[in-house]
PDB file of all heavy atoms in Angstrom:
ATOM      1  N   THR A   1      51.682 -21.177 -36.545  1.00  0.00           N
ATOM      2  CA  THR A   1      51.331 -22.391 -37.267  1.00  0.00           C
ATOM      3  C   THR A   1      52.480 -22.792 -38.200  1.00  0.00           C
ATOM      4  O   THR A   1      53.488 -22.112 -38.279  1.00  0.00           O
ATOM      5  CB  THR A   1      50.006 -22.186 -38.051  1.00  0.00           C
ATOM      6  OG1 THR A   1      49.629 -23.412 -38.662  1.00  0.00           O
ATOM      7  CG2 THR A   1      50.150 -21.130 -39.150  1.00  0.00           C
ATOM      8  N   GLY A   2      52.307 -23.894 -38.906  1.00  0.00           N
ATOM      9  CA  GLY A   2      53.313 -24.377 -39.860  1.00  0.00           C
ATOM     10  C   GLY A   2      54.108 -25.530 -39.290  1.00  0.00           C
ATOM     11  O   GLY A   2      54.099 -25.785 -38.081  1.00  0.00           O
ATOM     12  N   LYS A   3      54.811 -26.262 -40.159  1.00  0.00           N
ATOM     13  CA  LYS A   3      55.579 -27.449 -39.770  1.00  0.00           C
ATOM     14  C   LYS A   3      56.641 -27.119 -38.724  1.00  0.00           C
ATOM     15  O   LYS A   3      56.903 -27.885 -37.808  1.00  0.00           O
ATOM     16  CB  LYS A   3      56.234 -28.043 -41.021  1.00  0.00           C
ATOM     17  CG  LYS A   3      56.717 -29.483 -40.841  1.00  0.00           C
ATOM     18  CD  LYS A   3      57.140 -30.075 -42.172  1.00  0.00           C
ATOM     19  CE  LYS A   3      57.982 -31.313 -42.032  1.00  0.00           C
ATOM     20  NZ  LYS A   3      57.312 -32.464 -41.446  1.00  0.00           N
ATOM     21  N   THR A   4      57.249 -25.914 -38.853  1.00  0.00           N
ATOM     22  CA  THR A   4      58.280 -25.510 -37.890  1.00  0.00           C
ATOM     23  C   THR A   4      57.791 -24.369 -36.985  1.00  0.00           C
ATOM     24  O   THR A   4      58.586 -23.711 -36.330  1.00  0.00           O
ATOM     25  CB  THR A   4      59.574 -25.069 -38.622  1.00  0.00           C
ATOM     26  OG1 THR A   4      59.258 -23.956 -39.470  1.00  0.00           O
ATOM     27  CG2 THR A   4      60.155 -26.195 -39.456  1.00  0.00           C
ATOM     28  N   CYS A   5      56.474 -24.134 -36.975  1.00  0.00           N
ATOM     29  CA  CYS A   5      55.850 -23.063 -36.166  1.00  0.00           C
ATOM     30  C   CYS A   5      56.486 -21.700 -36.435  1.00  0.00           C
ATOM     31  O   CYS A   5      56.687 -20.901 -35.530  1.00  0.00           O
ATOM     32  CB  CYS A   5      55.955 -23.375 -34.671  1.00  0.00           C
ATOM     33  SG  CYS A   5      55.209 -24.937 -34.202  1.00  0.00           S
ATOM     34  N   ASN A   6      56.807 -21.455 -37.704  1.00  0.00           N
ATOM     35  CA  ASN A   6      57.473 -20.184 -38.043  1.00  0.00           C
ATOM     36  C   ASN A   6      56.523 -19.211 -38.739  1.00  0.00           C
ATOM     37  O   ASN A   6      56.926 -18.125 -39.128  1.00  0.00           O
ATOM     38  CB  ASN A   6      58.706 -20.441 -38.921  1.00  0.00           C
ATOM     39  CG  ASN A   6      58.339 -21.039 -40.270  1.00  0.00           C
ATOM     40  OD1 ASN A   6      57.259 -21.605 -40.429  1.00  0.00           O
ATOM     41  ND2 ASN A   6      59.226 -20.923 -41.230  1.00  0.00           N
ATOM     42  N   GLN A   7      55.254 -19.620 -38.913  1.00  0.00           N
ATOM     43  CA  GLN A   7      54.301 -18.746 -39.598  1.00  0.00           C
ATOM     44  C   GLN A   7      53.282 -18.200 -38.610  1.00  0.00           C
ATOM     45  O   GLN A   7      52.841 -18.901 -37.710  1.00  0.00           O
ATOM     46  CB  GLN A   7      53.562 -19.524 -40.689  1.00  0.00           C
ATOM     47  CG  GLN A   7      54.443 -19.993 -41.829  1.00  0.00           C
ATOM     48  CD  GLN A   7      53.783 -21.130 -42.604  1.00  0.00           C
ATOM     49  OE1 GLN A   7      52.579 -21.309 -42.558  1.00  0.00           O
ATOM     50  NE2 GLN A   7      54.591 -21.910 -43.289  1.00  0.00           N
ATOM     51  N   ASP A   8      52.907 -16.943 -38.834  1.00  0.00           N
ATOM     52  CA  ASP A   8      51.875 -16.312 -38.014  1.00  0.00           C
ATOM     53  C   ASP A   8      50.520 -16.911 -38.376  1.00  0.00           C
ATOM     54  O   ASP A   8      50.210 -17.082 -39.544  1.00  0.00           O
ATOM     55  CB  ASP A   8      51.882 -14.801 -38.284  1.00  0.00           C
ATOM     56  CG  ASP A   8      50.674 -14.109 -37.673  1.00  0.00           C
ATOM     57  OD1 ASP A   8      50.485 -14.236 -36.465  1.00  0.00           O
ATOM     58  OD2 ASP A   8      49.921 -13.450 -38.415  1.00  0.00           O
ATOM     59  N   LEU A   9      49.722 -17.257 -37.365  1.00  0.00           N
ATOM     60  CA  LEU A   9      48.377 -17.773 -37.588  1.00  0.00           C
ATOM     61  C   LEU A   9      47.435 -16.582 -37.690  1.00  0.00           C
ATOM     62  O   LEU A   9      47.408 -15.732 -36.804  1.00  0.00           O
ATOM     63  CB  LEU A   9      47.956 -18.679 -36.423  1.00  0.00           C
ATOM     64  CG  LEU A   9      46.507 -19.193 -36.430  1.00  0.00           C
ATOM     65  CD1 LEU A   9      46.292 -20.203 -37.535  1.00  0.00           C
ATOM     66  CD2 LEU A   9      46.154 -19.802 -35.087  1.00  0.00           C
ATOM     67  N   ASN A  10      46.677 -16.495 -38.791  1.00  0.00           N
ATOM     68  CA  ASN A  10      45.723 -15.399 -38.950  1.00  0.00           C
ATOM     69  C   ASN A  10      44.424 -15.781 -38.241  1.00  0.00           C
ATOM     70  O   ASN A  10      43.557 -16.415 -38.810  1.00  0.00           O
ATOM     71  CB  ASN A  10      45.482 -15.124 -40.435  1.00  0.00           C
ATOM     72  CG  ASN A  10      44.518 -13.976 -40.649  1.00  0.00           C
ATOM     73  OD1 ASN A  10      44.055 -13.342 -39.704  1.00  0.00           O
ATOM     74  ND2 ASN A  10      44.195 -13.692 -41.894  1.00  0.00           N
ATOM     75  N   GLU A  11      44.341 -15.385 -36.961  1.00  0.00           N
ATOM     76  CA  GLU A  11      43.167 -15.738 -36.158  1.00  0.00           C
ATOM     77  C   GLU A  11      41.886 -15.137 -36.725  1.00  0.00           C
ATOM     78  O   GLU A  11      40.797 -15.659 -36.508  1.00  0.00           O
ATOM     79  CB  GLU A  11      43.327 -15.261 -34.699  1.00  0.00           C
ATOM     80  CG  GLU A  11      44.405 -15.968 -33.919  1.00  0.00           C
ATOM     81  CD  GLU A  11      45.777 -15.331 -34.039  1.00  0.00           C
ATOM     82  OE1 GLU A  11      45.956 -14.425 -34.900  1.00  0.00           O
ATOM     83  OE2 GLU A  11      46.664 -15.709 -33.281  1.00  0.00           O
ATOM     84  N   CYS A  12      42.019 -14.014 -37.460  1.00  0.00           N
ATOM     85  CA  CYS A  12      40.840 -13.339 -38.017  1.00  0.00           C
ATOM     86  C   CYS A  12      40.149 -14.202 -39.073  1.00  0.00           C
ATOM     87  O   CYS A  12      38.979 -14.016 -39.368  1.00  0.00           O
ATOM     88  CB  CYS A  12      41.245 -11.993 -38.610  1.00  0.00           C
ATOM     89  SG  CYS A  12      41.927 -10.868 -37.364  1.00  0.00           S
ATOM     90  N   GLY A  13      40.886 -15.142 -39.660  1.00  0.00           N
ATOM     91  CA  GLY A  13      40.315 -16.018 -40.684  1.00  0.00           C
ATOM     92  C   GLY A  13      39.724 -17.293 -40.117  1.00  0.00           C
ATOM     93  O   GLY A  13      39.199 -18.125 -40.860  1.00  0.00           O
ATOM     94  N   LEU A  14      39.799 -17.473 -38.792  1.00  0.00           N
ATOM     95  CA  LEU A  14      39.282 -18.696 -38.173  1.00  0.00           C
ATOM     96  C   LEU A  14      37.752 -18.694 -38.122  1.00  0.00           C
ATOM     97  O   LEU A  14      37.117 -17.651 -38.156  1.00  0.00           O
ATOM     98  CB  LEU A  14      39.821 -18.846 -36.736  1.00  0.00           C
ATOM     99  CG  LEU A  14      41.324 -19.060 -36.561  1.00  0.00           C
ATOM    100  CD1 LEU A  14      41.684 -19.060 -35.089  1.00  0.00           C
ATOM    101  CD2 LEU A  14      41.776 -20.372 -37.194  1.00  0.00           C
ATOM    102  N   ASN A  15      37.186 -19.892 -38.034  1.00  0.00           N
ATOM    103  CA  ASN A  15      35.745 -20.058 -37.876  1.00  0.00           C
ATOM    104  C   ASN A  15      35.466 -20.791 -36.578  1.00  0.00           C
ATOM    105  O   ASN A  15      36.018 -21.867 -36.396  1.00  0.00           O
ATOM    106  CB  ASN A  15      35.181 -20.848 -39.066  1.00  0.00           C
ATOM    107  CG  ASN A  15      34.128 -20.040 -39.804  1.00  0.00           C
ATOM    108  OD1 ASN A  15      33.546 -19.117 -39.253  1.00  0.00           O
ATOM    109  ND2 ASN A  15      33.901 -20.399 -41.056  1.00  0.00           N
ATOM    110  N   PRO A  16      34.691 -20.328 -35.631  1.00  0.00           N
ATOM    111  CA  PRO A  16      34.023 -19.020 -35.676  1.00  0.00           C
ATOM    112  C   PRO A  16      35.025 -17.876 -35.495  1.00  0.00           C
ATOM    113  O   PRO A  16      36.075 -18.062 -34.899  1.00  0.00           O
ATOM    114  CB  PRO A  16      33.060 -19.101 -34.483  1.00  0.00           C
ATOM    115  CG  PRO A  16      33.714 -20.065 -33.539  1.00  0.00           C
ATOM    116  CD  PRO A  16      34.446 -21.056 -34.396  1.00  0.00           C
ATOM    117  N   ARG A  17      34.668 -16.698 -36.023  1.00  0.00           N
ATOM    118  CA  ARG A  17      35.556 -15.546 -35.931  1.00  0.00           C
ATOM    119  C   ARG A  17      35.715 -15.126 -34.470  1.00  0.00           C
ATOM    120  O   ARG A  17      34.747 -15.146 -33.709  1.00  0.00           O
ATOM    121  CB  ARG A  17      35.016 -14.384 -36.765  1.00  0.00           C
ATOM    122  CG  ARG A  17      35.106 -14.685 -38.261  1.00  0.00           C
ATOM    123  CD  ARG A  17      34.696 -13.492 -39.106  1.00  0.00           C
ATOM    124  NE  ARG A  17      35.688 -12.430 -38.981  1.00  0.00           N
ATOM    125  CZ  ARG A  17      35.363 -11.159 -38.757  1.00  0.00           C
ATOM    126  NH1 ARG A  17      34.123 -10.805 -38.612  1.00  0.00           N
ATOM    127  NH2 ARG A  17      36.302 -10.253 -38.666  1.00  0.00           N
ATOM    128  N   PRO A  18      36.935 -14.740 -34.066  1.00  0.00           N
ATOM    129  CA  PRO A  18      37.150 -14.397 -32.647  1.00  0.00           C
ATOM    130  C   PRO A  18      36.573 -13.046 -32.230  1.00  0.00           C
ATOM    131  O   PRO A  18      36.442 -12.776 -31.047  1.00  0.00           O
ATOM    132  CB  PRO A  18      38.674 -14.400 -32.515  1.00  0.00           C
ATOM    133  CG  PRO A  18      39.186 -14.098 -33.883  1.00  0.00           C
ATOM    134  CD  PRO A  18      38.179 -14.650 -34.851  1.00  0.00           C
ATOM    135  N   CYS A  19      36.237 -12.215 -33.201  1.00  0.00           N
ATOM    136  CA  CYS A  19      35.725 -10.877 -32.885  1.00  0.00           C
ATOM    137  C   CYS A  19      34.313 -10.704 -33.446  1.00  0.00           C
ATOM    138  O   CYS A  19      34.001 -11.238 -34.504  1.00  0.00           O
ATOM    139  CB  CYS A  19      36.618  -9.790 -33.470  1.00  0.00           C
ATOM    140  SG  CYS A  19      38.337  -9.905 -32.943  1.00  0.00           S
ATOM    141  N   GLU A  20      33.514  -9.908 -32.727  1.00  0.00           N
ATOM    142  CA  GLU A  20      32.139  -9.686 -33.179  1.00  0.00           C
ATOM    143  C   GLU A  20      32.085  -8.791 -34.415  1.00  0.00           C
ATOM    144  O   GLU A  20      31.360  -9.065 -35.354  1.00  0.00           O
ATOM    145  CB  GLU A  20      31.329  -9.074 -32.035  1.00  0.00           C
ATOM    146  CG  GLU A  20      29.836  -9.072 -32.300  1.00  0.00           C
ATOM    147  CD  GLU A  20      29.031  -8.484 -31.165  1.00  0.00           C
ATOM    148  OE1 GLU A  20      29.558  -8.345 -30.040  1.00  0.00           O
ATOM    149  OE2 GLU A  20      27.857  -8.156 -31.399  1.00  0.00           O
ATOM    150  N   HIS A  21      32.865  -7.709 -34.421  1.00  0.00           N
ATOM    151  CA  HIS A  21      32.837  -6.774 -35.543  1.00  0.00           C
ATOM    152  C   HIS A  21      34.116  -6.855 -36.368  1.00  0.00           C
ATOM    153  O   HIS A  21      34.188  -7.588 -37.320  1.00  0.00           O
ATOM    154  CB  HIS A  21      32.638  -5.328 -35.044  1.00  0.00           C
ATOM    155  CG  HIS A  21      31.243  -5.047 -34.599  1.00  0.00           C
ATOM    156  ND1 HIS A  21      30.836  -3.802 -34.214  1.00  0.00           N
ATOM    157  CD2 HIS A  21      30.148  -5.843 -34.472  1.00  0.00           C
ATOM    158  CE1 HIS A  21      29.555  -3.837 -33.861  1.00  0.00           C
ATOM    159  NE2 HIS A  21      29.116  -5.078 -34.009  1.00  0.00           N
ATOM    160  N   ARG A  22      35.123  -6.095 -35.959  1.00  0.00           N
ATOM    161  CA  ARG A  22      36.373  -6.017 -36.716  1.00  0.00           C
ATOM    162  C   ARG A  22      37.480  -6.787 -36.030  1.00  0.00           C
ATOM    163  O   ARG A  22      37.591  -6.772 -34.811  1.00  0.00           O
ATOM    164  CB  ARG A  22      36.837  -4.562 -36.846  1.00  0.00           C
ATOM    165  CG  ARG A  22      36.149  -3.788 -37.924  1.00  0.00           C
ATOM    166  CD  ARG A  22      36.779  -2.412 -37.958  1.00  0.00           C
ATOM    167  NE  ARG A  22      36.199  -1.578 -38.983  1.00  0.00           N
ATOM    168  CZ  ARG A  22      36.363  -0.267 -39.036  1.00  0.00           C
ATOM    169  NH1 ARG A  22      37.072   0.334 -38.111  1.00  0.00           N
ATOM    170  NH2 ARG A  22      35.833   0.438 -39.998  1.00  0.00           N
ATOM    171  N   CYS A  23      38.318  -7.418 -36.844  1.00  0.00           N
ATOM    172  CA  CYS A  23      39.447  -8.178 -36.304  1.00  0.00           C
ATOM    173  C   CYS A  23      40.709  -7.711 -36.999  1.00  0.00           C
ATOM    174  O   CYS A  23      40.728  -7.534 -38.221  1.00  0.00           O
ATOM    175  CB  CYS A  23      39.206  -9.666 -36.582  1.00  0.00           C
ATOM    176  SG  CYS A  23      40.519 -10.743 -35.973  1.00  0.00           S
ATOM    177  N   MET A  24      41.763  -7.474 -36.245  1.00  0.00           N
ATOM    178  CA  MET A  24      43.048  -7.083 -36.835  1.00  0.00           C
ATOM    179  C   MET A  24      44.092  -8.116 -36.427  1.00  0.00           C
ATOM    180  O   MET A  24      44.341  -8.323 -35.243  1.00  0.00           O
ATOM    181  CB  MET A  24      43.481  -5.698 -36.360  1.00  0.00           C
ATOM    182  CG  MET A  24      44.761  -5.233 -37.021  1.00  0.00           C
ATOM    183  SD  MET A  24      45.272  -3.627 -36.404  1.00  0.00           S
ATOM    184  CE  MET A  24      46.595  -3.242 -37.522  1.00  0.00           C
ATOM    185  N   ASN A  25      44.650  -8.787 -37.435  1.00  0.00           N
ATOM    186  CA  ASN A  25      45.676  -9.793 -37.158  1.00  0.00           C
ATOM    187  C   ASN A  25      46.981  -9.097 -36.795  1.00  0.00           C
ATOM    188  O   ASN A  25      47.357  -8.117 -37.411  1.00  0.00           O
ATOM    189  CB  ASN A  25      45.873 -10.687 -38.384  1.00  0.00           C
ATOM    190  CG  ASN A  25      46.814 -11.837 -38.099  1.00  0.00           C
ATOM    191  OD1 ASN A  25      46.668 -12.537 -37.103  1.00  0.00           O
ATOM    192  ND2 ASN A  25      47.794 -12.027 -38.957  1.00  0.00           N
ATOM    193  N   THR A  26      47.664  -9.590 -35.766  1.00  0.00           N
ATOM    194  CA  THR A  26      48.988  -9.072 -35.406  1.00  0.00           C
ATOM    195  C   THR A  26      49.933 -10.262 -35.363  1.00  0.00           C
ATOM    196  O   THR A  26      49.486 -11.408 -35.388  1.00  0.00           O
ATOM    197  CB  THR A  26      48.967  -8.380 -34.017  1.00  0.00           C
ATOM    198  OG1 THR A  26      48.583  -9.345 -33.037  1.00  0.00           O
ATOM    199  CG2 THR A  26      48.023  -7.199 -33.982  1.00  0.00           C
ATOM    200  N   TYR A  27      51.227 -10.028 -35.305  1.00  0.00           N
ATOM    201  CA  TYR A  27      52.198 -11.115 -35.321  1.00  0.00           C
ATOM    202  C   TYR A  27      52.062 -11.950 -34.047  1.00  0.00           C
ATOM    203  O   TYR A  27      52.339 -11.463 -32.963  1.00  0.00           O
ATOM    204  CB  TYR A  27      53.615 -10.560 -35.482  1.00  0.00           C
ATOM    205  CG  TYR A  27      54.626 -11.619 -35.874  1.00  0.00           C
ATOM    206  CD1 TYR A  27      54.528 -12.252 -37.107  1.00  0.00           C
ATOM    207  CD2 TYR A  27      55.643 -11.994 -35.015  1.00  0.00           C
ATOM    208  CE1 TYR A  27      55.435 -13.226 -37.471  1.00  0.00           C
ATOM    209  CE2 TYR A  27      56.559 -12.975 -35.376  1.00  0.00           C
ATOM    210  CZ  TYR A  27      56.447 -13.585 -36.613  1.00  0.00           C
ATOM    211  OH  TYR A  27      57.344 -14.563 -36.986  1.00  0.00           O
ATOM    212  N   GLY A  28      51.566 -13.173 -34.187  1.00  0.00           N
ATOM    213  CA  GLY A  28      51.411 -14.065 -33.043  1.00  0.00           C
ATOM    214  C   GLY A  28      50.151 -13.848 -32.226  1.00  0.00           C
ATOM    215  O   GLY A  28      49.932 -14.520 -31.236  1.00  0.00           O
ATOM    216  N   SER A  29      49.313 -12.901 -32.654  1.00  0.00           N
ATOM    217  CA  SER A  29      48.093 -12.624 -31.894  1.00  0.00           C
ATOM    218  C   SER A  29      47.062 -11.916 -32.782  1.00  0.00           C
ATOM    219  O   SER A  29      47.152 -11.956 -34.011  1.00  0.00           O
ATOM    220  CB  SER A  29      48.426 -11.769 -30.673  1.00  0.00           C
ATOM    221  OG  SER A  29      47.298 -11.693 -29.821  1.00  0.00           O
ATOM    222  N   TYR A  30      46.078 -11.259 -32.166  1.00  0.00           N
ATOM    223  CA  TYR A  30      45.066 -10.491 -32.887  1.00  0.00           C
ATOM    224  C   TYR A  30      44.414  -9.510 -31.919  1.00  0.00           C
ATOM    225  O   TYR A  30      44.574  -9.634 -30.707  1.00  0.00           O
ATOM    226  CB  TYR A  30      44.006 -11.410 -33.497  1.00  0.00           C
ATOM    227  CG  TYR A  30      43.123 -12.091 -32.475  1.00  0.00           C
ATOM    228  CD1 TYR A  30      41.873 -11.561 -32.142  1.00  0.00           C
ATOM    229  CD2 TYR A  30      43.530 -13.253 -31.824  1.00  0.00           C
ATOM    230  CE1 TYR A  30      41.065 -12.169 -31.181  1.00  0.00           C
ATOM    231  CE2 TYR A  30      42.734 -13.866 -30.869  1.00  0.00           C
ATOM    232  CZ  TYR A  30      41.505 -13.324 -30.552  1.00  0.00           C
ATOM    233  OH  TYR A  30      40.720 -13.923 -29.599  1.00  0.00           O
ATOM    234  N   LYS A  31      43.688  -8.529 -32.475  1.00  0.00           N
ATOM    235  CA  LYS A  31      42.965  -7.578 -31.635  1.00  0.00           C
ATOM    236  C   LYS A  31      41.570  -7.385 -32.202  1.00  0.00           C
ATOM    237  O   LYS A  31      41.380  -7.422 -33.410  1.00  0.00           O
ATOM    238  CB  LYS A  31      43.692  -6.232 -31.608  1.00  0.00           C
ATOM    239  CG  LYS A  31      45.023  -6.310 -30.892  1.00  0.00           C
ATOM    240  CD  LYS A  31      45.315  -5.046 -30.134  1.00  0.00           C
ATOM    241  CE  LYS A  31      46.527  -5.281 -29.233  1.00  0.00           C
ATOM    242  NZ  LYS A  31      46.936  -4.124 -28.500  1.00  0.00           N
ATOM    243  N   CYS A  32      40.607  -7.194 -31.311  1.00  0.00           N
ATOM    244  CA  CYS A  32      39.219  -6.956 -31.718  1.00  0.00           C
ATOM    245  C   CYS A  32      38.903  -5.467 -31.677  1.00  0.00           C
ATOM    246  O   CYS A  32      39.357  -4.757 -30.788  1.00  0.00           O
ATOM    247  CB  CYS A  32      38.258  -7.694 -30.794  1.00  0.00           C
ATOM    248  SG  CYS A  32      38.368  -9.488 -30.912  1.00  0.00           S
ATOM    249  N   TYR A  33      38.094  -5.009 -32.658  1.00  0.00           N
ATOM    250  CA  TYR A  33      37.638  -3.623 -32.723  1.00  0.00           C
ATOM    251  C   TYR A  33      36.174  -3.599 -33.074  1.00  0.00           C
ATOM    252  O   TYR A  33      35.668  -4.533 -33.685  1.00  0.00           O
ATOM    253  CB  TYR A  33      38.456  -2.811 -33.746  1.00  0.00           C
ATOM    254  CG  TYR A  33      39.757  -2.534 -33.127  1.00  0.00           C
ATOM    255  CD1 TYR A  33      40.770  -3.460 -33.220  1.00  0.00           C
ATOM    256  CD2 TYR A  33      39.924  -1.471 -32.269  1.00  0.00           C
ATOM    257  CE1 TYR A  33      41.926  -3.319 -32.519  1.00  0.00           C
ATOM    258  CE2 TYR A  33      41.086  -1.321 -31.564  1.00  0.00           C
ATOM    259  CZ  TYR A  33      42.075  -2.230 -31.690  1.00  0.00           C
ATOM    260  OH  TYR A  33      43.210  -2.090 -30.980  1.00  0.00           O
ATOM    261  N   CYS A  34      35.513  -2.539 -32.689  1.00  0.00           N
ATOM    262  CA  CYS A  34      34.082  -2.411 -32.961  1.00  0.00           C
ATOM    263  C   CYS A  34      33.842  -1.369 -34.040  1.00  0.00           C
ATOM    264  O   CYS A  34      34.649  -0.453 -34.233  1.00  0.00           O
ATOM    265  CB  CYS A  34      33.351  -2.002 -31.691  1.00  0.00           C
ATOM    266  SG  CYS A  34      33.472  -3.259 -30.404  1.00  0.00           S
ATOM    267  N   LEU A  35      32.723  -1.525 -34.736  1.00  0.00           N
ATOM    268  CA  LEU A  35      32.307  -0.530 -35.722  1.00  0.00           C
ATOM    269  C   LEU A  35      31.980   0.763 -34.984  1.00  0.00           C
ATOM    270  O   LEU A  35      31.718   0.757 -33.779  1.00  0.00           O
ATOM    271  CB  LEU A  35      31.076  -1.019 -36.490  1.00  0.00           C
ATOM    272  CG  LEU A  35      31.299  -2.232 -37.396  1.00  0.00           C
ATOM    273  CD1 LEU A  35      29.973  -2.816 -37.849  1.00  0.00           C
ATOM    274  CD2 LEU A  35      32.143  -1.855 -38.603  1.00  0.00           C
ATOM    275  N   ASP A  36      31.998   1.851 -35.730  1.00  0.00           N
ATOM    276  CA  ASP A  36      31.731   3.138 -35.110  1.00  0.00           C
ATOM    277  C   ASP A  36      30.335   3.135 -34.482  1.00  0.00           C
ATOM    278  O   ASP A  36      29.390   2.593 -35.054  1.00  0.00           O
ATOM    279  CB  ASP A  36      31.854   4.247 -36.158  1.00  0.00           C
ATOM    280  CG  ASP A  36      32.130   5.575 -35.503  1.00  0.00           C
ATOM    281  OD1 ASP A  36      32.804   5.577 -34.462  1.00  0.00           O
ATOM    282  OD2 ASP A  36      31.656   6.590 -36.011  1.00  0.00           O
ATOM    283  N   GLY A  37      30.245   3.697 -33.316  1.00  0.00           N
ATOM    284  CA  GLY A  37      28.977   3.726 -32.603  1.00  0.00           C
ATOM    285  C   GLY A  37      28.837   2.581 -31.612  1.00  0.00           C
ATOM    286  O   GLY A  37      27.831   2.452 -30.931  1.00  0.00           O
ATOM    287  N   TYR A  38      29.867   1.744 -31.537  1.00  0.00           N
ATOM    288  CA  TYR A  38      29.871   0.621 -30.600  1.00  0.00           C
ATOM    289  C   TYR A  38      31.121   0.680 -29.739  1.00  0.00           C
ATOM    290  O   TYR A  38      32.133   1.243 -30.136  1.00  0.00           O
ATOM    291  CB  TYR A  38      29.837  -0.713 -31.348  1.00  0.00           C
ATOM    292  CG  TYR A  38      28.521  -0.988 -32.021  1.00  0.00           C
ATOM    293  CD1 TYR A  38      28.260  -0.468 -33.276  1.00  0.00           C
ATOM    294  CD2 TYR A  38      27.550  -1.757 -31.398  1.00  0.00           C
ATOM    295  CE1 TYR A  38      27.045  -0.710 -33.903  1.00  0.00           C
ATOM    296  CE2 TYR A  38      26.336  -2.014 -32.009  1.00  0.00           C
ATOM    297  CZ  TYR A  38      26.081  -1.486 -33.271  1.00  0.00           C
ATOM    298  OH  TYR A  38      24.888  -1.731 -33.876  1.00  0.00           O
ATOM    299  N   MET A  39      31.035   0.065 -28.567  1.00  0.00           N
ATOM    300  CA  MET A  39      32.159   0.040 -27.645  1.00  0.00           C
ATOM    301  C   MET A  39      32.627  -1.384 -27.431  1.00  0.00           C
ATOM    302  O   MET A  39      31.813  -2.301 -27.355  1.00  0.00           O
ATOM    303  CB  MET A  39      31.711   0.568 -26.286  1.00  0.00           C
ATOM    304  CG  MET A  39      32.123   1.973 -26.005  1.00  0.00           C
ATOM    305  SD  MET A  39      31.345   2.478 -24.480  1.00  0.00           S
ATOM    306  CE  MET A  39      32.196   1.458 -23.328  1.00  0.00           C
ATOM    307  N   LEU A  40      33.938  -1.573 -27.331  1.00  0.00           N
ATOM    308  CA  LEU A  40      34.493  -2.900 -27.068  1.00  0.00           C
ATOM    309  C   LEU A  40      34.316  -3.225 -25.586  1.00  0.00           C
ATOM    310  O   LEU A  40      34.748  -2.484 -24.723  1.00  0.00           O
ATOM    311  CB  LEU A  40      35.981  -2.935 -27.448  1.00  0.00           C
ATOM    312  CG  LEU A  40      36.663  -4.302 -27.361  1.00  0.00           C
ATOM    313  CD1 LEU A  40      36.107  -5.258 -28.394  1.00  0.00           C
ATOM    314  CD2 LEU A  40      38.163  -4.159 -27.573  1.00  0.00           C
ATOM    315  N   MET A  41      33.696  -4.373 -25.333  1.00  0.00           N
ATOM    316  CA  MET A  41      33.487  -4.823 -23.958  1.00  0.00           C
ATOM    317  C   MET A  41      34.635  -5.753 -23.549  1.00  0.00           C
ATOM    318  O   MET A  41      35.327  -6.297 -24.413  1.00  0.00           O
ATOM    319  CB  MET A  41      32.142  -5.560 -23.836  1.00  0.00           C
ATOM    320  CG  MET A  41      30.957  -4.715 -24.308  1.00  0.00           C
ATOM    321  SD  MET A  41      30.888  -3.063 -23.595  1.00  0.00           S
ATOM    322  CE  MET A  41      30.229  -3.431 -21.981  1.00  0.00           C
ATOM    323  N   PRO A  42      34.856  -5.946 -22.228  1.00  0.00           N
ATOM    324  CA  PRO A  42      35.977  -6.792 -21.779  1.00  0.00           C
ATOM    325  C   PRO A  42      35.983  -8.206 -22.375  1.00  0.00           C
ATOM    326  O   PRO A  42      37.037  -8.791 -22.565  1.00  0.00           O
ATOM    327  CB  PRO A  42      35.778  -6.845 -20.258  1.00  0.00           C
ATOM    328  CG  PRO A  42      35.003  -5.617 -19.930  1.00  0.00           C
ATOM    329  CD  PRO A  42      34.118  -5.367 -21.106  1.00  0.00           C
ATOM    330  N   ASP A  43      34.798  -8.756 -22.721  1.00  0.00           N
ATOM    331  CA  ASP A  43      34.750 -10.113 -23.280  1.00  0.00           C
ATOM    332  C   ASP A  43      34.967 -10.148 -24.790  1.00  0.00           C
ATOM    333  O   ASP A  43      34.864 -11.197 -25.415  1.00  0.00           O
ATOM    334  CB  ASP A  43      33.413 -10.795 -22.922  1.00  0.00           C
ATOM    335  CG  ASP A  43      32.213 -10.126 -23.585  1.00  0.00           C
ATOM    336  OD1 ASP A  43      32.379  -9.041 -24.193  1.00  0.00           O
ATOM    337  OD2 ASP A  43      31.111 -10.696 -23.509  1.00  0.00           O
ATOM    338  N   GLY A  44      35.248  -8.988 -25.392  1.00  0.00           N
ATOM    339  CA  GLY A  44      35.518  -8.932 -26.838  1.00  0.00           C
ATOM    340  C   GLY A  44      34.288  -8.653 -27.671  1.00  0.00           C
ATOM    341  O   GLY A  44      34.378  -8.485 -28.877  1.00  0.00           O
ATOM    342  N   SER A  45      33.097  -8.575 -27.026  1.00  0.00           N
ATOM    343  CA  SER A  45      31.874  -8.267 -27.775  1.00  0.00           C
ATOM    344  C   SER A  45      31.737  -6.753 -27.932  1.00  0.00           C
ATOM    345  O   SER A  45      32.490  -5.983 -27.319  1.00  0.00           O
ATOM    346  CB  SER A  45      30.654  -8.851 -27.061  1.00  0.00           C
ATOM    347  OG  SER A  45      30.488  -8.214 -25.804  1.00  0.00           O
TER     348      SER A  45
END
């Protein structure tokens, strides 16, 4: 994001949130994680 596209977009702060449980922002992307006792499914749930 940004005027010159030089800033990382924090997808975890978007609405609706991209992950059901935990979201970890990475440079240019993000990853979904589940709370303990849950498994990450291919669709991110």
